[in-house]
N, C-alpha and C. Protein backbone atom coordinates (compact mmCIF):
# COMPACT_ATOMS: atom_id res chain seq x y z
N MET A 1 84.25 24.87 137.73
CA MET A 1 84.24 26.32 137.82
C MET A 1 85.00 26.76 139.07
N ARG A 2 84.83 26.03 140.17
CA ARG A 2 85.50 26.39 141.41
C ARG A 2 87.01 26.24 141.28
N ARG A 3 87.48 25.25 140.54
CA ARG A 3 88.91 25.05 140.34
C ARG A 3 89.55 26.23 139.59
N GLN A 4 88.86 26.75 138.57
CA GLN A 4 89.37 27.89 137.82
C GLN A 4 89.47 29.12 138.71
N THR A 5 88.51 29.37 139.56
CA THR A 5 88.52 30.52 140.45
C THR A 5 89.68 30.43 141.43
N LEU A 6 89.92 29.27 142.00
CA LEU A 6 91.01 29.09 142.96
C LEU A 6 92.37 29.31 142.31
N TRP A 7 92.53 28.98 141.07
CA TRP A 7 93.81 29.14 140.36
C TRP A 7 94.08 30.59 139.98
N ILE A 8 93.03 31.35 139.59
CA ILE A 8 93.18 32.73 139.15
C ILE A 8 93.33 33.68 140.33
N LEU A 9 92.70 33.41 141.46
CA LEU A 9 92.74 34.29 142.61
C LEU A 9 94.16 34.61 143.07
N PRO A 10 95.08 33.63 143.21
CA PRO A 10 96.45 33.99 143.62
C PRO A 10 97.16 34.88 142.60
N LEU A 11 96.89 34.73 141.32
CA LEU A 11 97.51 35.58 140.31
C LEU A 11 97.06 37.03 140.46
N LEU A 12 95.79 37.24 140.74
CA LEU A 12 95.29 38.59 140.94
C LEU A 12 95.92 39.24 142.17
N VAL A 13 96.08 38.47 143.25
CA VAL A 13 96.70 39.00 144.47
C VAL A 13 98.15 39.40 144.20
N VAL A 14 98.91 38.54 143.49
CA VAL A 14 100.30 38.85 143.17
C VAL A 14 100.38 40.10 142.29
N ALA A 15 99.51 40.21 141.30
CA ALA A 15 99.51 41.37 140.43
C ALA A 15 99.22 42.64 141.21
N PHE A 16 98.30 42.60 142.17
CA PHE A 16 97.98 43.76 142.98
C PHE A 16 99.16 44.16 143.86
N VAL A 17 99.77 43.18 144.50
CA VAL A 17 100.88 43.46 145.41
C VAL A 17 102.08 44.03 144.66
N LEU A 18 102.43 43.46 143.51
CA LEU A 18 103.59 43.93 142.76
C LEU A 18 103.34 45.28 142.09
N GLY A 19 102.13 45.57 141.73
CA GLY A 19 101.86 46.80 141.00
C GLY A 19 101.35 47.94 141.85
N GLY A 20 101.02 47.73 143.12
CA GLY A 20 100.41 48.78 143.93
C GLY A 20 101.33 49.34 144.99
N PRO A 21 100.83 50.29 145.77
CA PRO A 21 101.62 50.94 146.80
C PRO A 21 101.99 50.00 147.95
N ALA A 22 101.34 48.87 148.07
CA ALA A 22 101.64 47.96 149.17
C ALA A 22 103.05 47.39 149.10
N CYS A 23 103.71 47.49 147.96
CA CYS A 23 105.04 46.93 147.78
C CYS A 23 106.13 47.97 148.08
N GLY A 24 105.77 49.07 148.71
CA GLY A 24 106.75 50.09 149.03
C GLY A 24 106.88 51.14 147.93
N GLN A 25 106.17 50.99 146.83
CA GLN A 25 106.22 51.99 145.77
C GLN A 25 105.26 53.12 146.11
N GLU A 26 105.63 54.32 145.73
CA GLU A 26 104.76 55.46 145.96
C GLU A 26 103.69 55.48 144.90
N GLY A 27 102.44 55.58 145.31
CA GLY A 27 101.33 55.59 144.37
C GLY A 27 101.16 56.95 143.73
N GLU A 28 100.31 57.04 142.72
CA GLU A 28 100.00 58.29 142.03
C GLU A 28 99.28 59.21 142.99
N LYS A 29 99.78 60.42 143.16
CA LYS A 29 99.14 61.38 144.04
C LYS A 29 97.97 62.02 143.32
N GLU A 30 96.90 62.24 144.04
CA GLU A 30 95.72 62.86 143.47
C GLU A 30 95.99 64.36 143.29
N ARG A 31 95.58 64.89 142.16
CA ARG A 31 95.77 66.32 141.90
C ARG A 31 94.74 67.08 142.70
N THR A 32 95.22 68.08 143.44
CA THR A 32 94.31 68.87 144.26
C THR A 32 94.19 70.31 143.75
N THR A 33 94.94 70.66 142.71
CA THR A 33 94.85 72.01 142.15
C THR A 33 94.64 71.94 140.65
N ASN A 34 94.35 73.07 140.08
CA ASN A 34 94.19 73.16 138.63
C ASN A 34 95.48 73.56 137.94
N GLU A 35 96.58 73.64 138.69
CA GLU A 35 97.86 74.01 138.09
C GLU A 35 98.33 72.89 137.17
N PRO A 36 98.95 73.25 136.04
CA PRO A 36 99.40 72.22 135.10
C PRO A 36 100.55 71.40 135.67
N THR A 37 100.62 70.16 135.25
CA THR A 37 101.72 69.30 135.65
C THR A 37 102.96 69.66 134.86
N LYS A 38 104.10 69.14 135.26
CA LYS A 38 105.35 69.41 134.55
C LYS A 38 105.25 68.94 133.10
N ALA A 39 104.65 67.76 132.88
CA ALA A 39 104.50 67.24 131.51
C ALA A 39 103.61 68.15 130.67
N GLU A 40 102.55 68.70 131.27
CA GLU A 40 101.67 69.61 130.54
C GLU A 40 102.40 70.90 130.18
N ILE A 41 103.22 71.39 131.09
CA ILE A 41 103.98 72.61 130.82
C ILE A 41 104.98 72.37 129.69
N GLU A 42 105.69 71.24 129.73
CA GLU A 42 106.67 70.93 128.70
C GLU A 42 106.01 70.75 127.34
N ALA A 43 104.79 70.19 127.32
CA ALA A 43 104.08 69.99 126.05
C ALA A 43 103.64 71.32 125.45
N GLN A 44 103.38 72.33 126.28
CA GLN A 44 102.90 73.61 125.79
C GLN A 44 104.03 74.55 125.40
N GLN A 45 105.22 74.34 125.89
CA GLN A 45 106.30 75.30 125.67
C GLN A 45 106.61 75.61 124.22
N PRO A 46 106.74 74.62 123.33
CA PRO A 46 107.09 75.01 121.95
C PRO A 46 106.10 75.98 121.33
N ALA A 47 104.80 75.74 121.49
CA ALA A 47 103.80 76.64 120.92
C ALA A 47 103.86 78.01 121.57
N GLU A 48 104.03 78.05 122.90
CA GLU A 48 104.10 79.33 123.59
C GLU A 48 105.35 80.09 123.20
N LEU A 49 106.47 79.39 123.10
CA LEU A 49 107.70 80.06 122.71
C LEU A 49 107.61 80.59 121.30
N LEU A 50 106.99 79.83 120.41
CA LEU A 50 106.84 80.28 119.03
C LEU A 50 105.94 81.51 118.96
N ALA A 51 104.85 81.48 119.70
CA ALA A 51 103.94 82.63 119.70
C ALA A 51 104.65 83.86 120.26
N ALA A 52 105.44 83.67 121.31
CA ALA A 52 106.14 84.79 121.91
C ALA A 52 107.24 85.30 120.98
N ALA A 53 107.80 84.43 120.15
CA ALA A 53 108.91 84.82 119.28
C ALA A 53 108.45 85.66 118.10
N LYS A 54 107.18 85.59 117.74
CA LYS A 54 106.69 86.38 116.59
C LYS A 54 106.66 87.85 116.98
N LYS A 55 107.33 88.65 116.17
CA LYS A 55 107.38 90.06 116.48
C LYS A 55 106.72 90.93 115.41
N TRP A 56 106.31 90.34 114.30
CA TRP A 56 105.69 91.11 113.23
C TRP A 56 104.39 90.45 112.83
N ARG A 57 103.35 91.26 112.59
CA ARG A 57 102.05 90.75 112.16
C ARG A 57 101.37 91.83 111.34
N GLU A 58 100.75 91.42 110.24
CA GLU A 58 100.00 92.36 109.42
C GLU A 58 98.81 91.63 108.79
N VAL A 59 97.69 92.33 108.67
CA VAL A 59 96.51 91.79 108.00
C VAL A 59 96.31 92.56 106.71
N VAL A 60 96.20 91.82 105.61
CA VAL A 60 95.93 92.42 104.30
C VAL A 60 94.60 91.90 103.80
N THR A 61 93.99 92.62 102.88
CA THR A 61 92.71 92.19 102.32
C THR A 61 92.91 91.66 100.91
N CYS A 62 92.04 90.75 100.55
CA CYS A 62 92.03 90.18 99.21
C CYS A 62 90.62 90.41 98.68
N SER A 63 90.49 91.25 97.67
CA SER A 63 89.19 91.57 97.09
C SER A 63 89.22 91.23 95.62
N LEU A 64 88.39 90.28 95.23
CA LEU A 64 88.39 89.79 93.85
C LEU A 64 87.08 90.11 93.14
N ALA A 65 87.17 90.45 91.85
CA ALA A 65 86.00 90.79 91.05
C ALA A 65 85.36 89.58 90.38
N ARG A 66 86.11 88.47 90.30
CA ARG A 66 85.60 87.24 89.65
C ARG A 66 86.40 86.04 90.17
N PRO A 67 85.87 84.85 90.02
CA PRO A 67 86.53 83.67 90.59
C PRO A 67 87.89 83.35 89.99
N SER A 68 88.18 83.82 88.80
CA SER A 68 89.46 83.49 88.16
C SER A 68 90.60 84.42 88.60
N GLU A 69 90.29 85.48 89.33
CA GLU A 69 91.33 86.41 89.75
C GLU A 69 92.17 85.86 90.90
N VAL A 70 93.42 86.28 90.92
CA VAL A 70 94.34 85.96 92.01
C VAL A 70 94.96 87.26 92.48
N GLN A 71 94.86 87.53 93.78
CA GLN A 71 95.51 88.70 94.38
C GLN A 71 96.87 88.26 94.90
N ARG A 72 97.94 89.00 94.53
CA ARG A 72 99.30 88.59 94.89
C ARG A 72 99.98 89.63 95.77
N TYR A 73 100.77 89.15 96.71
CA TYR A 73 101.57 90.00 97.59
C TYR A 73 102.99 89.47 97.66
N ASN A 74 103.95 90.39 97.73
CA ASN A 74 105.34 90.01 97.99
C ASN A 74 105.62 90.35 99.46
N VAL A 75 106.17 89.37 100.20
CA VAL A 75 106.51 89.58 101.61
C VAL A 75 108.00 89.36 101.75
N ARG A 76 108.71 90.39 102.19
CA ARG A 76 110.16 90.31 102.42
C ARG A 76 110.42 90.50 103.90
N CYS A 77 111.20 89.55 104.47
CA CYS A 77 111.49 89.59 105.90
C CYS A 77 112.99 89.49 106.13
N THR A 78 113.48 90.25 107.08
CA THR A 78 114.86 90.13 107.51
C THR A 78 114.88 89.59 108.94
N GLY A 79 115.93 88.82 109.25
CA GLY A 79 116.03 88.24 110.58
C GLY A 79 114.92 87.26 110.89
N ALA A 80 114.40 86.61 109.86
CA ALA A 80 113.24 85.72 110.02
C ALA A 80 113.61 84.28 109.74
N THR A 81 113.02 83.38 110.48
CA THR A 81 113.17 81.95 110.20
C THR A 81 111.92 81.38 109.56
N LEU A 82 110.79 82.13 109.62
CA LEU A 82 109.52 81.61 109.11
C LEU A 82 108.57 82.73 108.75
N LEU A 83 107.58 82.38 107.94
CA LEU A 83 106.46 83.26 107.62
C LEU A 83 105.20 82.43 107.71
N ASP A 84 104.26 82.85 108.58
CA ASP A 84 102.99 82.16 108.75
C ASP A 84 101.88 82.91 108.03
N VAL A 85 100.94 82.15 107.43
CA VAL A 85 99.84 82.73 106.66
C VAL A 85 98.54 82.05 107.09
N ARG A 86 97.52 82.88 107.32
CA ARG A 86 96.16 82.40 107.63
C ARG A 86 95.18 83.19 106.78
N ILE A 87 94.02 82.59 106.46
CA ILE A 87 93.02 83.28 105.64
C ILE A 87 91.62 83.01 106.18
N SER A 88 90.75 84.02 106.06
CA SER A 88 89.35 83.87 106.45
C SER A 88 88.47 84.63 105.46
N ASP A 89 87.25 84.17 105.32
CA ASP A 89 86.27 84.89 104.51
C ASP A 89 85.88 86.15 105.28
N CYS A 90 85.68 87.23 104.57
CA CYS A 90 85.35 88.47 105.29
C CYS A 90 83.86 88.70 105.42
N CYS A 91 83.05 88.26 104.43
CA CYS A 91 81.75 88.90 104.38
C CYS A 91 80.54 87.98 104.28
N ILE A 92 80.53 87.06 103.40
CA ILE A 92 79.36 86.21 103.17
C ILE A 92 79.71 84.77 103.55
N SER A 93 79.07 84.26 104.58
CA SER A 93 79.35 82.88 104.98
C SER A 93 79.08 81.92 103.83
N GLY A 94 79.98 80.96 103.70
CA GLY A 94 79.85 79.97 102.63
C GLY A 94 80.93 80.08 101.57
N ASP A 95 81.67 81.19 101.57
CA ASP A 95 82.78 81.33 100.63
C ASP A 95 84.03 80.67 101.20
N HIS A 96 84.75 79.97 100.35
CA HIS A 96 86.00 79.31 100.75
C HIS A 96 87.15 79.91 99.94
N TRP A 97 88.23 80.23 100.64
CA TRP A 97 89.37 80.91 100.06
C TRP A 97 90.62 80.07 100.26
N GLU A 98 91.62 80.36 99.42
CA GLU A 98 92.91 79.68 99.55
C GLU A 98 94.01 80.74 99.53
N ALA A 99 95.00 80.54 100.40
CA ALA A 99 96.21 81.37 100.37
C ALA A 99 97.40 80.44 100.22
N LYS A 100 98.17 80.67 99.17
CA LYS A 100 99.40 79.89 98.94
C LYS A 100 100.59 80.82 99.10
N SER A 101 101.63 80.30 99.70
CA SER A 101 102.84 81.10 99.85
C SER A 101 104.03 80.28 99.40
N LYS A 102 105.00 80.99 98.83
CA LYS A 102 106.23 80.32 98.38
C LYS A 102 107.40 81.23 98.72
N ASN A 103 108.40 80.65 99.37
CA ASN A 103 109.62 81.38 99.67
C ASN A 103 110.71 80.89 98.75
N TRP A 104 111.35 81.84 98.06
CA TRP A 104 112.45 81.48 97.17
C TRP A 104 113.77 81.72 97.89
N ASP A 105 114.49 80.66 98.15
CA ASP A 105 115.85 80.75 98.66
C ASP A 105 116.60 79.52 98.15
N ARG A 106 117.68 79.14 98.80
CA ARG A 106 118.46 78.01 98.28
C ARG A 106 117.68 76.71 98.31
N ALA A 107 116.60 76.64 99.08
CA ALA A 107 115.71 75.48 99.13
C ALA A 107 114.27 75.99 99.14
N PRO A 108 113.73 76.37 97.97
CA PRO A 108 112.37 76.93 97.93
C PRO A 108 111.34 75.99 98.56
N ASN A 109 110.39 76.59 99.26
CA ASN A 109 109.33 75.78 99.86
C ASN A 109 108.00 76.51 99.76
N THR A 110 106.93 75.72 99.71
CA THR A 110 105.58 76.22 99.47
C THR A 110 104.64 75.73 100.55
N ALA A 111 103.66 76.55 100.90
CA ALA A 111 102.64 76.14 101.87
C ALA A 111 101.29 76.69 101.41
N ALA A 112 100.21 76.03 101.81
CA ALA A 112 98.86 76.48 101.44
C ALA A 112 97.92 76.29 102.61
N THR A 113 96.94 77.16 102.68
CA THR A 113 95.88 77.05 103.69
C THR A 113 94.57 77.49 103.06
N THR A 114 93.47 77.06 103.65
CA THR A 114 92.14 77.45 103.17
C THR A 114 91.31 77.96 104.33
N SER A 115 90.25 78.69 103.99
CA SER A 115 89.31 79.15 105.01
C SER A 115 88.17 78.15 105.10
N PRO A 116 87.61 77.95 106.30
CA PRO A 116 86.56 76.94 106.49
C PRO A 116 85.19 77.35 105.98
N GLY A 117 84.93 78.64 105.75
CA GLY A 117 83.64 79.03 105.19
C GLY A 117 82.86 80.05 105.97
N PRO A 118 82.70 79.90 107.30
CA PRO A 118 81.98 80.95 108.01
C PRO A 118 82.73 82.28 107.96
N ALA A 119 82.02 83.36 107.77
CA ALA A 119 82.66 84.68 107.72
C ALA A 119 83.41 84.95 109.01
N GLY A 120 84.66 85.42 108.88
CA GLY A 120 85.47 85.76 110.04
C GLY A 120 86.20 84.61 110.69
N GLN A 121 86.02 83.39 110.23
CA GLN A 121 86.69 82.24 110.83
C GLN A 121 87.91 81.86 110.02
N TYR A 122 89.07 81.87 110.67
CA TYR A 122 90.32 81.53 110.00
C TYR A 122 90.51 80.02 109.93
N GLY A 123 91.19 79.59 108.88
CA GLY A 123 91.59 78.20 108.75
C GLY A 123 92.91 77.98 109.47
N LEU A 124 93.51 76.84 109.26
CA LEU A 124 94.79 76.53 109.88
C LEU A 124 95.90 77.40 109.31
N THR A 125 96.94 77.56 110.08
CA THR A 125 98.10 78.35 109.67
C THR A 125 98.99 77.53 108.76
N SER A 126 99.45 78.14 107.66
CA SER A 126 100.46 77.50 106.81
C SER A 126 101.77 78.25 107.03
N ARG A 127 102.89 77.58 106.75
CA ARG A 127 104.19 78.17 107.07
C ARG A 127 105.22 77.85 106.00
N VAL A 128 105.97 78.89 105.60
CA VAL A 128 107.17 78.69 104.79
C VAL A 128 108.36 79.05 105.66
N TYR A 129 109.48 78.39 105.39
CA TYR A 129 110.68 78.54 106.21
C TYR A 129 111.80 79.23 105.44
N ASN A 130 112.71 79.82 106.19
CA ASN A 130 113.92 80.41 105.66
C ASN A 130 115.02 79.35 105.75
N TYR A 131 115.53 78.93 104.62
CA TYR A 131 116.61 77.94 104.59
C TYR A 131 117.94 78.60 104.19
N GLY A 132 118.14 79.83 104.64
CA GLY A 132 119.41 80.49 104.40
C GLY A 132 119.36 81.66 103.45
N GLY A 133 118.25 81.85 102.76
CA GLY A 133 118.16 82.95 101.81
C GLY A 133 118.90 82.64 100.52
N THR A 134 119.30 83.69 99.83
CA THR A 134 120.05 83.56 98.58
C THR A 134 121.38 84.30 98.76
N PRO A 135 122.33 84.10 97.84
CA PRO A 135 123.60 84.85 97.95
C PRO A 135 123.37 86.38 97.95
N GLN A 136 122.36 86.84 97.23
CA GLN A 136 122.08 88.28 97.18
C GLN A 136 121.35 88.76 98.45
N ASN A 137 120.57 87.88 99.07
CA ASN A 137 119.80 88.22 100.27
C ASN A 137 119.95 87.12 101.32
N PRO A 138 121.11 87.01 101.95
CA PRO A 138 121.31 85.95 102.93
C PRO A 138 120.41 86.12 104.16
N ASN A 139 119.98 85.00 104.69
CA ASN A 139 119.16 84.97 105.92
C ASN A 139 117.92 85.85 105.83
N SER A 140 117.27 85.85 104.68
CA SER A 140 116.04 86.62 104.54
C SER A 140 114.97 85.79 103.83
N ILE A 141 113.74 86.21 103.99
CA ILE A 141 112.61 85.58 103.31
C ILE A 141 112.15 86.50 102.20
N ASN A 142 111.95 85.95 101.02
CA ASN A 142 111.39 86.66 99.88
C ASN A 142 110.28 85.79 99.33
N ALA A 143 109.06 86.00 99.84
CA ALA A 143 107.95 85.10 99.52
C ALA A 143 106.87 85.81 98.71
N GLU A 144 106.14 85.02 97.94
CA GLU A 144 104.92 85.51 97.30
C GLU A 144 103.76 84.81 97.98
N VAL A 145 102.73 85.58 98.29
CA VAL A 145 101.50 85.05 98.88
C VAL A 145 100.38 85.34 97.89
N ASP A 146 99.71 84.29 97.42
CA ASP A 146 98.62 84.41 96.46
C ASP A 146 97.29 84.07 97.12
N CYS A 147 96.29 84.88 96.87
CA CYS A 147 94.95 84.66 97.41
C CYS A 147 94.01 84.35 96.26
N SER A 148 93.24 83.27 96.39
CA SER A 148 92.29 82.92 95.34
C SER A 148 90.99 82.41 95.94
N TYR A 149 89.93 82.52 95.15
CA TYR A 149 88.60 82.07 95.54
C TYR A 149 88.44 80.62 95.12
N LEU A 150 88.14 79.74 96.07
CA LEU A 150 87.96 78.33 95.73
C LEU A 150 86.53 78.04 95.25
N HIS A 151 85.56 78.31 96.12
CA HIS A 151 84.15 78.09 95.77
C HIS A 151 83.28 78.68 96.87
N GLY A 152 82.00 78.73 96.64
CA GLY A 152 81.10 79.27 97.65
C GLY A 152 79.82 79.79 97.05
N VAL A 153 79.38 80.95 97.53
CA VAL A 153 78.10 81.50 97.09
C VAL A 153 78.21 82.25 95.77
N ASP A 154 79.42 82.49 95.28
CA ASP A 154 79.67 83.11 93.98
C ASP A 154 79.00 84.47 93.80
N VAL A 155 79.09 85.31 94.81
CA VAL A 155 78.62 86.68 94.72
C VAL A 155 79.87 87.56 94.69
N PHE A 156 80.04 88.32 93.59
CA PHE A 156 81.24 89.13 93.42
C PHE A 156 80.88 90.60 93.28
N PRO A 157 81.76 91.51 93.73
CA PRO A 157 83.08 91.26 94.29
C PRO A 157 82.97 90.53 95.63
N ALA A 158 84.04 89.80 95.95
CA ALA A 158 84.11 89.05 97.20
C ALA A 158 85.46 89.32 97.86
N GLY A 159 85.50 89.15 99.17
CA GLY A 159 86.74 89.48 99.87
C GLY A 159 87.08 88.53 101.00
N SER A 160 88.37 88.59 101.37
CA SER A 160 88.87 87.78 102.48
C SER A 160 89.97 88.56 103.20
N TYR A 161 90.34 88.07 104.37
CA TYR A 161 91.43 88.65 105.15
C TYR A 161 92.57 87.65 105.23
N ILE A 162 93.79 88.13 105.04
CA ILE A 162 94.98 87.29 105.16
C ILE A 162 95.81 87.85 106.30
N THR A 163 96.10 87.01 107.29
CA THR A 163 96.96 87.42 108.40
C THR A 163 98.34 86.84 108.16
N LEU A 164 99.33 87.70 108.13
CA LEU A 164 100.73 87.33 107.93
C LEU A 164 101.47 87.59 109.23
N SER A 165 102.34 86.67 109.65
CA SER A 165 103.13 86.89 110.86
C SER A 165 104.48 86.20 110.72
N SER A 166 105.47 86.74 111.44
CA SER A 166 106.83 86.23 111.35
C SER A 166 107.60 86.56 112.62
N ASP A 167 108.70 85.85 112.80
CA ASP A 167 109.61 86.15 113.90
C ASP A 167 110.65 87.18 113.48
N GLY A 168 110.57 87.65 112.24
CA GLY A 168 111.47 88.68 111.73
C GLY A 168 110.74 89.99 111.54
N THR A 169 111.35 90.91 110.81
CA THR A 169 110.74 92.18 110.47
C THR A 169 110.44 92.14 108.97
N CYS A 170 109.18 92.40 108.60
CA CYS A 170 108.75 92.19 107.21
C CYS A 170 108.10 93.43 106.62
N THR A 171 108.08 93.45 105.30
CA THR A 171 107.33 94.45 104.54
C THR A 171 106.48 93.72 103.51
N VAL A 172 105.33 94.29 103.20
CA VAL A 172 104.40 93.69 102.24
C VAL A 172 104.20 94.65 101.07
N THR A 173 104.31 94.11 99.85
CA THR A 173 104.06 94.90 98.64
C THR A 173 102.92 94.23 97.87
N ASP A 174 101.91 95.02 97.54
CA ASP A 174 100.80 94.52 96.73
C ASP A 174 101.27 94.40 95.29
N LEU A 175 101.24 93.19 94.74
CA LEU A 175 101.67 92.94 93.36
C LEU A 175 100.51 93.02 92.37
N GLY A 176 99.32 93.27 92.86
CA GLY A 176 98.16 93.39 91.98
C GLY A 176 97.44 92.07 91.76
N LYS A 177 96.56 92.10 90.77
CA LYS A 177 95.71 90.95 90.47
C LYS A 177 95.98 90.47 89.05
N ARG A 178 95.71 89.20 88.83
CA ARG A 178 95.80 88.64 87.48
C ARG A 178 94.83 87.46 87.41
N ASP A 179 94.40 87.14 86.22
CA ASP A 179 93.55 85.97 86.03
C ASP A 179 94.43 84.74 85.87
N SER A 180 94.01 83.66 86.47
CA SER A 180 94.79 82.43 86.41
C SER A 180 93.90 81.23 86.65
N ILE A 181 94.06 80.21 85.80
CA ILE A 181 93.33 78.96 86.03
C ILE A 181 94.13 78.05 86.93
N ASN A 182 95.41 77.87 86.61
CA ASN A 182 96.29 77.08 87.46
C ASN A 182 96.90 78.02 88.48
N ARG A 183 96.52 77.87 89.73
CA ARG A 183 96.92 78.82 90.76
C ARG A 183 98.11 78.34 91.57
N THR A 184 98.84 77.38 91.10
CA THR A 184 99.99 76.91 91.84
C THR A 184 101.11 77.93 91.73
N PRO A 185 101.69 78.36 92.90
CA PRO A 185 102.76 79.35 92.81
C PRO A 185 104.03 78.78 92.20
């Protein structure tokens, strides 16, 4: 046992000397303030820049008379690169909602989000992108946003809130309600 200790001890000393401040390297300075480090600032910038870039926001309501109904909205944006959608239950905790959005342009794309269930609590943000628009509407978003009831306490009428936001200027048109079993846009 003593032989093993004598052999390992020099290795530990060498590792300490080569890896620590004793070798002329500057050690890690202890943080003395609550100010963020450069790495923390750089990690936060994309989200902060994106939040600052959004210049349009609107909240619409989705009120359904039965679980098979779908409330539809058309969202048209100019000067936009994206459209974000969030949904929350408005009234009775335990209801779960879904919002699907689809942007039609030269590369159509779809996004979906759901509400977690507690009244007033939004789920994650879903996003559709502008991939150039169409020849008739270049550099614009022409999306449909559909709201549907997934499951919950099944007390109708039931409602939810949809928050729409974009870095462009948008208008929302209520397209009405329709019954649908397959709710894929």
